[in-house]
């Protein structure tokens, strides 16, 4: 079975792609990995923010 890649809902045989296309696919993979990393970081920061807000809510003396 020939390895394929799907781009915009169309399958392409990797062996038939130009070197330039393969380079762009590598760039897409790097970008996708960075997006995933940033989404994880965002989730972590949102969780921390919610925890800080919860402390304020539970501690009325913190509110002037």
PDB file of N, CA and C in Angstrom:
ATOM      1  N   UNK A   1       0.843  -1.175   0.000  1.00  0.00           N
ATOM      2  CA  UNK A   1       0.000   0.000   0.000  1.00  0.00           C
ATOM      3  C   UNK A   1       0.895   1.249   0.000  1.00  0.00           C
ATOM      4  N   UNK A   2       0.589   2.166  -0.881  1.00  0.00           N
ATOM      5  CA  UNK A   2       1.360   3.392  -1.029  1.00  0.00           C
ATOM      6  C   UNK A   2       0.947   4.406   0.026  1.00  0.00           C
ATOM      7  N   UNK A   3       1.925   5.002   0.726  1.00  0.00           N
ATOM      8  CA  UNK A   3       1.564   6.047   1.698  1.00  0.00           C
ATOM      9  C   UNK A   3       0.904   7.235   1.000  1.00  0.00           C
ATOM     10  N   UNK A   4      -0.152   7.736   1.620  1.00  0.00           N
ATOM     11  CA  UNK A   4      -0.859   8.884   1.061  1.00  0.00           C
ATOM     12  C   UNK A   4      -0.983   9.971   2.125  1.00  0.00           C
ATOM     13  N   UNK A   5      -1.280  11.160   1.653  1.00  0.00           N
ATOM     14  CA  UNK A   5      -1.557  12.285   2.533  1.00  0.00           C
ATOM     15  C   UNK A   5      -2.822  12.953   2.020  1.00  0.00           C
ATOM     16  N   UNK A   6      -3.657  13.406   2.956  1.00  0.00           N
ATOM     17  CA  UNK A   6      -4.899  14.062   2.580  1.00  0.00           C
ATOM     18  C   UNK A   6      -4.753  15.561   2.790  1.00  0.00           C
ATOM     19  N   UNK A   7      -5.000  16.317   1.728  1.00  0.00           N
ATOM     20  CA  UNK A   7      -4.949  17.770   1.773  1.00  0.00           C
ATOM     21  C   UNK A   7      -6.258  18.293   1.210  1.00  0.00           C
ATOM     22  N   UNK A   8      -6.971  19.052   2.023  1.00  0.00           N
ATOM     23  CA  UNK A   8      -8.265  19.601   1.606  1.00  0.00           C
ATOM     24  C   UNK A   8      -9.193  18.526   1.050  1.00  0.00           C
ATOM     25  N   UNK A   9      -9.290  17.424   1.790  1.00  0.00           N
ATOM     26  CA  UNK A   9     -10.188  16.306   1.467  1.00  0.00           C
ATOM     27  C   UNK A   9      -9.797  15.540   0.212  1.00  0.00           C
ATOM     28  N   UNK A  10      -8.586  15.707  -0.286  1.00  0.00           N
ATOM     29  CA  UNK A  10      -8.132  14.959  -1.454  1.00  0.00           C
ATOM     30  C   UNK A  10      -6.878  14.194  -1.080  1.00  0.00           C
ATOM     31  N   UNK A  11      -6.834  12.900  -1.459  1.00  0.00           N
ATOM     32  CA  UNK A  11      -5.685  12.056  -1.158  1.00  0.00           C
ATOM     33  C   UNK A  11      -4.634  12.153  -2.264  1.00  0.00           C
ATOM     34  N   UNK A  12      -3.364  12.209  -1.834  1.00  0.00           N
ATOM     35  CA  UNK A  12      -2.234  12.254  -2.763  1.00  0.00           C
ATOM     36  C   UNK A  12      -1.233  11.178  -2.360  1.00  0.00           C
ATOM     37  N   UNK A  13      -0.659  10.500  -3.346  1.00  0.00           N
ATOM     38  CA  UNK A  13       0.418   9.552  -3.076  1.00  0.00           C
ATOM     39  C   UNK A  13       1.672  10.353  -2.751  1.00  0.00           C
ATOM     40  N   UNK A  14       2.257  10.088  -1.594  1.00  0.00           N
ATOM     41  CA  UNK A  14       3.425  10.846  -1.164  1.00  0.00           C
ATOM     42  C   UNK A  14       4.554  10.713  -2.177  1.00  0.00           C
ATOM     43  N   UNK A  15       4.737   9.545  -2.744  1.00  0.00           N
ATOM     44  CA  UNK A  15       5.817   9.310  -3.708  1.00  0.00           C
ATOM     45  C   UNK A  15       5.675  10.173  -4.957  1.00  0.00           C
ATOM     46  N   UNK A  16       4.464  10.607  -5.255  1.00  0.00           N
ATOM     47  CA  UNK A  16       4.228  11.408  -6.461  1.00  0.00           C
ATOM     48  C   UNK A  16       4.347  12.913  -6.225  1.00  0.00           C
ATOM     49  N   UNK A  17       4.539  13.328  -4.979  1.00  0.00           N
ATOM     50  CA  UNK A  17       4.645  14.750  -4.675  1.00  0.00           C
ATOM     51  C   UNK A  17       6.041  15.269  -5.012  1.00  0.00           C
ATOM     52  N   UNK A  18       6.097  16.515  -5.422  1.00  0.00           N
ATOM     53  CA  UNK A  18       7.393  17.143  -5.683  1.00  0.00           C
ATOM     54  C   UNK A  18       8.107  17.393  -4.361  1.00  0.00           C
ATOM     55  N   UNK A  19       9.399  17.644  -4.444  1.00  0.00           N
ATOM     56  CA  UNK A  19      10.159  17.963  -3.238  1.00  0.00           C
ATOM     57  C   UNK A  19       9.636  19.251  -2.600  1.00  0.00           C
ATOM     58  N   UNK A  20       9.221  20.198  -3.431  1.00  0.00           N
ATOM     59  CA  UNK A  20       8.669  21.443  -2.909  1.00  0.00           C
ATOM     60  C   UNK A  20       7.377  21.169  -2.135  1.00  0.00           C
ATOM     61  N   UNK A  21       6.535  20.287  -2.659  1.00  0.00           N
ATOM     62  CA  UNK A  21       5.290  19.936  -1.964  1.00  0.00           C
ATOM     63  C   UNK A  21       5.595  19.229  -0.651  1.00  0.00           C
ATOM     64  N   UNK A  22       6.588  18.328  -0.666  1.00  0.00           N
ATOM     65  CA  UNK A  22       6.974  17.628   0.564  1.00  0.00           C
ATOM     66  C   UNK A  22       7.496  18.618   1.606  1.00  0.00           C
ATOM     67  N   UNK A  23       8.224  19.630   1.167  1.00  0.00           N
ATOM     68  CA  UNK A  23       8.725  20.650   2.089  1.00  0.00           C
ATOM     69  C   UNK A  23       7.570  21.432   2.699  1.00  0.00           C
ATOM     70  N   UNK A  24       6.565  21.749   1.883  1.00  0.00           N
ATOM     71  CA  UNK A  24       5.407  22.476   2.402  1.00  0.00           C
ATOM     72  C   UNK A  24       4.619  21.614   3.387  1.00  0.00           C
ATOM     73  N   UNK A  25       4.536  20.329   3.128  1.00  0.00           N
ATOM     74  CA  UNK A  25       3.854  19.416   4.055  1.00  0.00           C
ATOM     75  C   UNK A  25       4.600  19.392   5.387  1.00  0.00           C
ATOM     76  N   UNK A  26       5.930  19.370   5.324  1.00  0.00           N
ATOM     77  CA  UNK A  26       6.720  19.415   6.555  1.00  0.00           C
ATOM     78  C   UNK A  26       6.433  20.705   7.316  1.00  0.00           C
ATOM     79  N   UNK A  27       6.321  21.816   6.591  1.00  0.00           N
ATOM     80  CA  UNK A  27       5.992  23.098   7.234  1.00  0.00           C
ATOM     81  C   UNK A  27       4.617  23.055   7.889  1.00  0.00           C
ATOM     82  N   UNK A  28       3.658  22.442   7.225  1.00  0.00           N
ATOM     83  CA  UNK A  28       2.309  22.294   7.792  1.00  0.00           C
ATOM     84  C   UNK A  28       2.367  21.477   9.070  1.00  0.00           C
ATOM     85  N   UNK A  29       3.148  20.402   9.061  1.00  0.00           N
ATOM     86  CA  UNK A  29       3.262  19.556  10.245  1.00  0.00           C
ATOM     87  C   UNK A  29       3.881  20.315  11.418  1.00  0.00           C
ATOM     88  N   UNK A  30       4.884  21.135  11.139  1.00  0.00           N
ATOM     89  CA  UNK A  30       5.490  21.955  12.191  1.00  0.00           C
ATOM     90  C   UNK A  30       4.462  22.947  12.733  1.00  0.00           C
ATOM     91  N   UNK A  31       3.725  23.583  11.829  1.00  0.00           N
ATOM     92  CA  UNK A  31       2.701  24.547  12.252  1.00  0.00           C
ATOM     93  C   UNK A  31       1.616  23.857  13.082  1.00  0.00           C
ATOM     94  N   UNK A  32       1.172  22.678  12.651  1.00  0.00           N
ATOM     95  CA  UNK A  32       0.150  21.939  13.401  1.00  0.00           C
ATOM     96  C   UNK A  32       0.648  21.573  14.799  1.00  0.00           C
ATOM     97  N   UNK A  33       1.906  21.169  14.900  1.00  0.00           N
ATOM     98  CA  UNK A  33       2.475  20.824  16.203  1.00  0.00           C
ATOM     99  C   UNK A  33       2.530  22.052  17.107  1.00  0.00           C
ATOM    100  N   UNK A  34       2.883  23.195  16.554  1.00  0.00           N
ATOM    101  CA  UNK A  34       2.942  24.428  17.343  1.00  0.00           C
ATOM    102  C   UNK A  34       1.549  24.860  17.781  1.00  0.00           C
ATOM    103  N   UNK A  35       0.560  24.714  16.913  1.00  0.00           N
ATOM    104  CA  UNK A  35      -0.826  25.023  17.281  1.00  0.00           C
ATOM    105  C   UNK A  35      -1.262  24.138  18.438  1.00  0.00           C
ATOM    106  N   UNK A  36      -0.958  22.856  18.372  1.00  0.00           N
ATOM    107  CA  UNK A  36      -1.331  21.934  19.447  1.00  0.00           C
ATOM    108  C   UNK A  36      -0.639  22.318  20.754  1.00  0.00           C
ATOM    109  N   UNK A  37       0.637  22.685  20.673  1.00  0.00           N
ATOM    110  CA  UNK A  37       1.374  23.089  21.871  1.00  0.00           C
ATOM    111  C   UNK A  37       0.761  24.346  22.491  1.00  0.00           C
ATOM    112  N   UNK A  38       0.432  25.304  21.652  1.00  0.00           N
ATOM    113  CA  UNK A  38      -0.160  26.542  22.146  1.00  0.00           C
ATOM    114  C   UNK A  38      -1.552  26.315  22.725  1.00  0.00           C
ATOM    115  N   UNK A  39      -2.323  25.401  22.136  1.00  0.00           N
ATOM    116  CA  UNK A  39      -3.646  25.091  22.679  1.00  0.00           C
ATOM    117  C   UNK A  39      -3.520  24.474  24.071  1.00  0.00           C
ATOM    118  N   UNK A  40      -2.509  23.615  24.259  1.00  0.00           N
ATOM    119  CA  UNK A  40      -2.275  23.034  25.579  1.00  0.00           C
ATOM    120  C   UNK A  40      -1.851  24.112  26.574  1.00  0.00           C
ATOM    121  N   UNK A  41      -0.994  25.008  26.141  1.00  0.00           N
ATOM    122  CA  UNK A  41      -0.560  26.098  27.005  1.00  0.00           C
ATOM    123  C   UNK A  41      -1.738  26.998  27.375  1.00  0.00           C
ATOM    124  N   UNK A  42      -2.591  27.296  26.420  1.00  0.00           N
ATOM    125  CA  UNK A  42      -3.774  28.113  26.685  1.00  0.00           C
ATOM    126  C   UNK A  42      -4.684  27.440  27.711  1.00  0.00           C
ATOM    127  N   UNK A  43      -4.895  26.141  27.564  1.00  0.00           N
ATOM    128  CA  UNK A  43      -5.734  25.414  28.518  1.00  0.00           C
ATOM    129  C   UNK A  43      -5.143  25.487  29.922  1.00  0.00           C
ATOM    130  N   UNK A  44      -3.836  25.382  30.021  1.00  0.00           N
ATOM    131  CA  UNK A  44      -3.170  25.461  31.316  1.00  0.00           C
ATOM    132  C   UNK A  44      -3.360  26.846  31.931  1.00  0.00           C
ATOM    133  N   UNK A  45      -3.171  27.882  31.160  1.00  0.00           N
ATOM    134  CA  UNK A  45      -3.306  29.250  31.666  1.00  0.00           C
ATOM    135  C   UNK A  45      -4.756  29.556  32.026  1.00  0.00           C
ATOM    136  N   UNK A  46      -5.700  29.058  31.234  1.00  0.00           N
ATOM    137  CA  UNK A  46      -7.114  29.272  31.569  1.00  0.00           C
ATOM    138  C   UNK A  46      -7.473  28.574  32.884  1.00  0.00           C
ATOM    139  N   UNK A  47      -6.913  27.393  33.101  1.00  0.00           N
ATOM    140  CA  UNK A  47      -7.152  26.678  34.353  1.00  0.00           C
ATOM    141  C   UNK A  47      -6.590  27.467  35.529  1.00  0.00           C
ATOM    142  N   UNK A  48      -5.396  28.001  35.369  1.00  0.00           N
ATOM    143  CA  UNK A  48      -4.794  28.812  36.433  1.00  0.00           C
ATOM    144  C   UNK A  48      -5.635  30.052  36.701  1.00  0.00           C
ATOM    145  N   UNK A  49      -6.088  30.700  35.651  1.00  0.00           N
ATOM    146  CA  UNK A  49      -6.917  31.897  35.821  1.00  0.00           C
ATOM    147  C   UNK A  49      -8.188  31.572  36.600  1.00  0.00           C
ATOM    148  N   UNK A  50      -8.819  30.463  36.246  1.00  0.00           N
ATOM    149  CA  UNK A  50     -10.036  30.060  36.952  1.00  0.00           C
ATOM    150  C   UNK A  50      -9.753  29.781  38.425  1.00  0.00           C
ATOM    151  N   UNK A  51      -8.598  29.199  38.715  1.00  0.00           N
ATOM    152  CA  UNK A  51      -8.229  28.926  40.107  1.00  0.00           C
ATOM    153  C   UNK A  51      -8.031  30.232  40.873  1.00  0.00           C
ATOM    154  N   UNK A  52      -7.382  31.207  40.254  1.00  0.00           N
ATOM    155  CA  UNK A  52      -7.194  32.505  40.914  1.00  0.00           C
ATOM    156  C   UNK A  52      -8.545  33.163  41.200  1.00  0.00           C
ATOM    157  N   UNK A  53      -9.441  33.109  40.245  1.00  0.00           N
ATOM    158  CA  UNK A  53     -10.771  33.694  40.428  1.00  0.00           C
ATOM    159  C   UNK A  53     -11.530  32.968  41.531  1.00  0.00           C
ATOM    160  N   UNK A  54     -11.356  31.657  41.623  1.00  0.00           N
ATOM    161  CA  UNK A  54     -12.036  30.886  42.660  1.00  0.00           C
ATOM    162  C   UNK A  54     -11.552  31.281  44.051  1.00  0.00           C
ATOM    163  N   UNK A  55     -10.264  31.578  44.177  1.00  0.00           N
ATOM    164  CA  UNK A  55      -9.723  32.011  45.468  1.00  0.00           C
ATOM    165  C   UNK A  55     -10.382  33.325  45.886  1.00  0.00           C
ATOM    166  N   UNK A  56     -10.505  34.236  44.943  1.00  0.00           N
ATOM    167  CA  UNK A  56     -11.144  35.520  45.253  1.00  0.00           C
ATOM    168  C   UNK A  56     -12.597  35.304  45.667  1.00  0.00           C
ATOM    169  N   UNK A  57     -13.278  34.426  44.978  1.00  0.00           N
ATOM    170  CA  UNK A  57     -14.688  34.159  45.276  1.00  0.00           C
ATOM    171  C   UNK A  57     -14.852  33.535  46.662  1.00  0.00           C
ATOM    172  N   UNK A  58     -13.930  32.653  47.049  1.00  0.00           N
ATOM    173  CA  UNK A  58     -14.014  31.961  48.339  1.00  0.00           C
ATOM    174  C   UNK A  58     -13.526  32.814  49.498  1.00  0.00           C
ATOM    175  N   UNK A  59     -12.810  33.890  49.206  1.00  0.00           N
ATOM    176  CA  UNK A  59     -12.195  34.702  50.258  1.00  0.00           C
ATOM    177  C   UNK A  59     -12.736  36.125  50.176  1.00  0.00           C
ATOM    178  N   UNK A  60     -13.872  36.374  50.792  1.00  0.00           N
ATOM    179  CA  UNK A  60     -14.499  37.702  50.689  1.00  0.00           C
ATOM    180  C   UNK A  60     -13.604  38.825  51.189  1.00  0.00           C
ATOM    181  N   UNK A  61     -12.680  38.531  52.085  1.00  0.00           N
ATOM    182  CA  UNK A  61     -11.816  39.598  52.615  1.00  0.00           C
ATOM    183  C   UNK A  61     -10.856  40.129  51.560  1.00  0.00           C
ATOM    184  N   UNK A  62     -10.696  39.432  50.471  1.00  0.00           N
ATOM    185  CA  UNK A  62      -9.825  39.907  49.396  1.00  0.00           C
ATOM    186  C   UNK A  62     -10.503  40.978  48.555  1.00  0.00           C
ATOM    187  N   UNK A  63     -11.815  41.046  48.647  1.00  0.00           N
ATOM    188  CA  UNK A  63     -12.564  42.009  47.854  1.00  0.00           C
ATOM    189  C   UNK A  63     -12.807  43.245  48.700  1.00  0.00           C
ATOM    190  N   UNK A  64     -12.361  44.385  48.216  1.00  0.00           N
ATOM    191  CA  UNK A  64     -12.487  45.639  48.977  1.00  0.00           C
ATOM    192  C   UNK A  64     -13.911  46.141  48.974  1.00  0.00           C
TER     193      UNK A  64
END
